[in-house]
């Protein structure tokens, strides 16, 4: 069963930390895709996949990027 991440990003458009969603990756990155979307304003935000993995290991499934 895949681990579902709850990711938050510092959205440049909203000016604050917001929840984010990962769209389907059309570039073939799979689960390492760096593209996330602010759930509030839909601004695209690039997130380092290694930071998401690190945050996931340090918490109980909640990642902050």
N, C-alpha and C. Protein backbone atom coordinates (compact mmCIF):
# COMPACT_ATOMS: atom_id res chain seq x y z
N UNK A 1 0.84 -1.18 0.00
CA UNK A 1 0.00 0.00 0.00
C UNK A 1 0.89 1.24 0.00
N UNK A 2 0.71 2.17 -0.94
CA UNK A 2 1.53 3.38 -1.01
C UNK A 2 1.23 4.31 0.15
N UNK A 3 2.27 5.02 0.58
CA UNK A 3 2.12 6.00 1.66
C UNK A 3 1.59 7.28 1.05
N UNK A 4 0.51 7.80 1.64
CA UNK A 4 -0.04 9.06 1.17
C UNK A 4 0.55 10.18 1.99
N UNK A 5 1.13 11.17 1.32
CA UNK A 5 1.76 12.29 1.99
C UNK A 5 0.80 13.45 2.13
N UNK A 6 0.89 14.10 3.27
CA UNK A 6 0.22 15.37 3.44
C UNK A 6 1.32 16.41 3.40
N UNK A 7 1.37 17.20 2.35
CA UNK A 7 2.47 18.13 2.15
C UNK A 7 1.97 19.57 2.28
N UNK A 8 2.82 20.39 2.87
CA UNK A 8 2.55 21.83 2.99
C UNK A 8 3.70 22.57 2.33
N UNK A 9 3.38 23.63 1.61
CA UNK A 9 4.41 24.41 0.92
C UNK A 9 4.29 25.88 1.33
N UNK A 10 5.42 26.58 1.27
CA UNK A 10 5.44 28.02 1.48
C UNK A 10 5.05 28.64 0.13
N UNK A 11 3.80 28.94 -0.03
CA UNK A 11 3.28 29.42 -1.32
C UNK A 11 3.66 30.88 -1.55
N UNK A 12 4.36 31.17 -2.65
CA UNK A 12 4.75 32.54 -2.93
C UNK A 12 3.56 33.45 -3.28
N UNK A 13 2.50 32.88 -3.82
CA UNK A 13 1.33 33.69 -4.17
C UNK A 13 0.46 34.00 -2.96
N UNK A 14 0.27 33.02 -2.09
CA UNK A 14 -0.55 33.23 -0.89
C UNK A 14 0.24 33.97 0.20
N UNK A 15 1.58 33.82 0.17
CA UNK A 15 2.42 34.46 1.17
C UNK A 15 2.42 33.76 2.50
N UNK A 16 2.03 32.50 2.53
CA UNK A 16 1.98 31.73 3.77
C UNK A 16 2.06 30.24 3.45
N UNK A 17 2.20 29.43 4.48
CA UNK A 17 2.25 27.98 4.30
C UNK A 17 0.84 27.48 4.04
N UNK A 18 0.71 26.67 2.98
CA UNK A 18 -0.59 26.15 2.56
C UNK A 18 -0.47 24.65 2.27
N UNK A 19 -1.59 23.91 2.35
CA UNK A 19 -1.56 22.51 1.93
C UNK A 19 -1.31 22.43 0.43
N UNK A 20 -0.70 21.34 0.00
CA UNK A 20 -0.38 21.18 -1.42
C UNK A 20 -0.79 19.80 -1.91
N UNK A 21 -1.06 19.73 -3.19
CA UNK A 21 -1.40 18.47 -3.86
C UNK A 21 -0.37 18.22 -4.95
N UNK A 22 -0.14 16.94 -5.23
CA UNK A 22 0.77 16.59 -6.31
C UNK A 22 -0.05 16.15 -7.52
N UNK A 23 0.07 16.89 -8.63
CA UNK A 23 -0.66 16.49 -9.83
C UNK A 23 -0.01 15.26 -10.47
N UNK A 24 -0.69 14.64 -11.41
CA UNK A 24 -0.09 13.54 -12.16
C UNK A 24 1.13 14.06 -12.90
N UNK A 25 2.24 13.34 -12.81
CA UNK A 25 3.49 13.76 -13.45
C UNK A 25 3.50 13.30 -14.91
N UNK A 26 3.61 14.25 -15.82
CA UNK A 26 3.66 13.91 -17.24
C UNK A 26 5.10 13.73 -17.73
N UNK A 27 6.08 14.00 -16.83
CA UNK A 27 7.49 13.90 -17.20
C UNK A 27 8.12 12.57 -16.82
N UNK A 28 7.35 11.68 -16.19
CA UNK A 28 7.87 10.37 -15.85
C UNK A 28 8.65 10.29 -14.55
N UNK A 29 8.54 11.30 -13.67
CA UNK A 29 9.26 11.27 -12.40
C UNK A 29 8.66 10.29 -11.41
N UNK A 30 7.41 9.95 -11.57
CA UNK A 30 6.74 9.07 -10.62
C UNK A 30 6.62 9.73 -9.27
N UNK A 31 6.89 8.98 -8.19
CA UNK A 31 6.74 9.53 -6.85
C UNK A 31 7.83 10.55 -6.49
N UNK A 32 8.85 10.68 -7.32
CA UNK A 32 9.90 11.67 -7.09
C UNK A 32 9.65 12.99 -7.82
N UNK A 33 8.46 13.17 -8.34
CA UNK A 33 8.15 14.39 -9.08
C UNK A 33 8.24 15.60 -8.14
N UNK A 34 8.97 16.64 -8.53
CA UNK A 34 9.13 17.82 -7.67
C UNK A 34 7.98 18.82 -7.78
N UNK A 35 7.02 18.56 -8.66
CA UNK A 35 5.97 19.54 -8.91
C UNK A 35 4.77 19.30 -7.99
N UNK A 36 4.45 20.32 -7.20
CA UNK A 36 3.30 20.31 -6.32
C UNK A 36 2.47 21.54 -6.66
N UNK A 37 1.21 21.56 -6.23
CA UNK A 37 0.32 22.69 -6.48
C UNK A 37 -0.29 23.13 -5.16
N UNK A 38 -0.25 24.44 -4.90
CA UNK A 38 -0.91 24.99 -3.73
C UNK A 38 -2.40 24.66 -3.83
N UNK A 39 -2.93 24.04 -2.80
CA UNK A 39 -4.35 23.66 -2.81
C UNK A 39 -5.30 24.84 -2.75
N UNK A 40 -4.79 26.00 -2.33
CA UNK A 40 -5.64 27.18 -2.17
C UNK A 40 -5.71 27.99 -3.47
N UNK A 41 -4.54 28.33 -4.05
CA UNK A 41 -4.54 29.22 -5.22
C UNK A 41 -4.08 28.54 -6.51
N UNK A 42 -3.66 27.29 -6.43
CA UNK A 42 -3.23 26.48 -7.58
C UNK A 42 -1.91 26.94 -8.20
N UNK A 43 -1.08 27.68 -7.44
CA UNK A 43 0.26 28.05 -7.91
C UNK A 43 1.15 26.82 -7.88
N UNK A 44 1.91 26.61 -8.95
CA UNK A 44 2.86 25.50 -9.00
C UNK A 44 4.07 25.82 -8.13
N UNK A 45 4.51 24.83 -7.35
CA UNK A 45 5.65 24.99 -6.46
C UNK A 45 6.55 23.77 -6.63
N UNK A 46 7.85 24.00 -6.83
CA UNK A 46 8.79 22.90 -6.93
C UNK A 46 9.30 22.55 -5.54
N UNK A 47 9.27 21.26 -5.21
CA UNK A 47 9.68 20.78 -3.90
C UNK A 47 10.75 19.71 -4.10
N UNK A 48 11.84 19.81 -3.35
CA UNK A 48 12.92 18.82 -3.42
C UNK A 48 12.41 17.48 -2.88
N UNK A 49 12.34 16.44 -3.72
CA UNK A 49 11.82 15.14 -3.27
C UNK A 49 12.60 14.56 -2.09
N UNK A 50 13.89 14.87 -1.98
CA UNK A 50 14.68 14.37 -0.86
C UNK A 50 14.23 14.99 0.45
N UNK A 51 13.80 16.26 0.44
CA UNK A 51 13.29 16.89 1.65
C UNK A 51 11.97 16.27 2.07
N UNK A 52 11.13 15.93 1.11
CA UNK A 52 9.86 15.27 1.42
C UNK A 52 10.12 13.91 2.04
N UNK A 53 11.07 13.15 1.49
CA UNK A 53 11.40 11.84 2.03
C UNK A 53 11.97 11.96 3.44
N UNK A 54 12.82 12.94 3.67
CA UNK A 54 13.41 13.16 4.99
C UNK A 54 12.34 13.52 6.01
N UNK A 55 11.45 14.43 5.65
CA UNK A 55 10.37 14.83 6.56
C UNK A 55 9.44 13.67 6.85
N UNK A 56 9.21 12.81 5.87
CA UNK A 56 8.35 11.65 6.07
C UNK A 56 8.98 10.66 7.05
N UNK A 57 10.29 10.46 6.94
CA UNK A 57 10.97 9.55 7.86
C UNK A 57 10.98 10.09 9.28
N UNK A 58 11.03 11.41 9.43
CA UNK A 58 11.11 12.03 10.76
C UNK A 58 9.75 12.18 11.42
N UNK A 59 8.68 11.99 10.68
CA UNK A 59 7.34 12.16 11.26
C UNK A 59 6.52 10.90 11.04
N UNK A 60 5.28 11.00 11.36
CA UNK A 60 4.40 9.84 11.20
C UNK A 60 3.56 9.96 9.95
N UNK A 61 4.19 10.32 8.83
CA UNK A 61 3.47 10.40 7.56
C UNK A 61 3.10 11.79 7.14
N UNK A 62 3.36 12.80 7.96
CA UNK A 62 3.05 14.17 7.59
C UNK A 62 4.34 14.87 7.18
N UNK A 63 4.40 15.30 5.94
CA UNK A 63 5.63 15.91 5.41
C UNK A 63 5.45 17.41 5.27
N UNK A 64 6.47 18.14 5.65
CA UNK A 64 6.49 19.58 5.45
C UNK A 64 7.64 19.87 4.52
N UNK A 65 7.35 20.49 3.39
CA UNK A 65 8.40 20.78 2.41
C UNK A 65 8.66 22.24 2.31
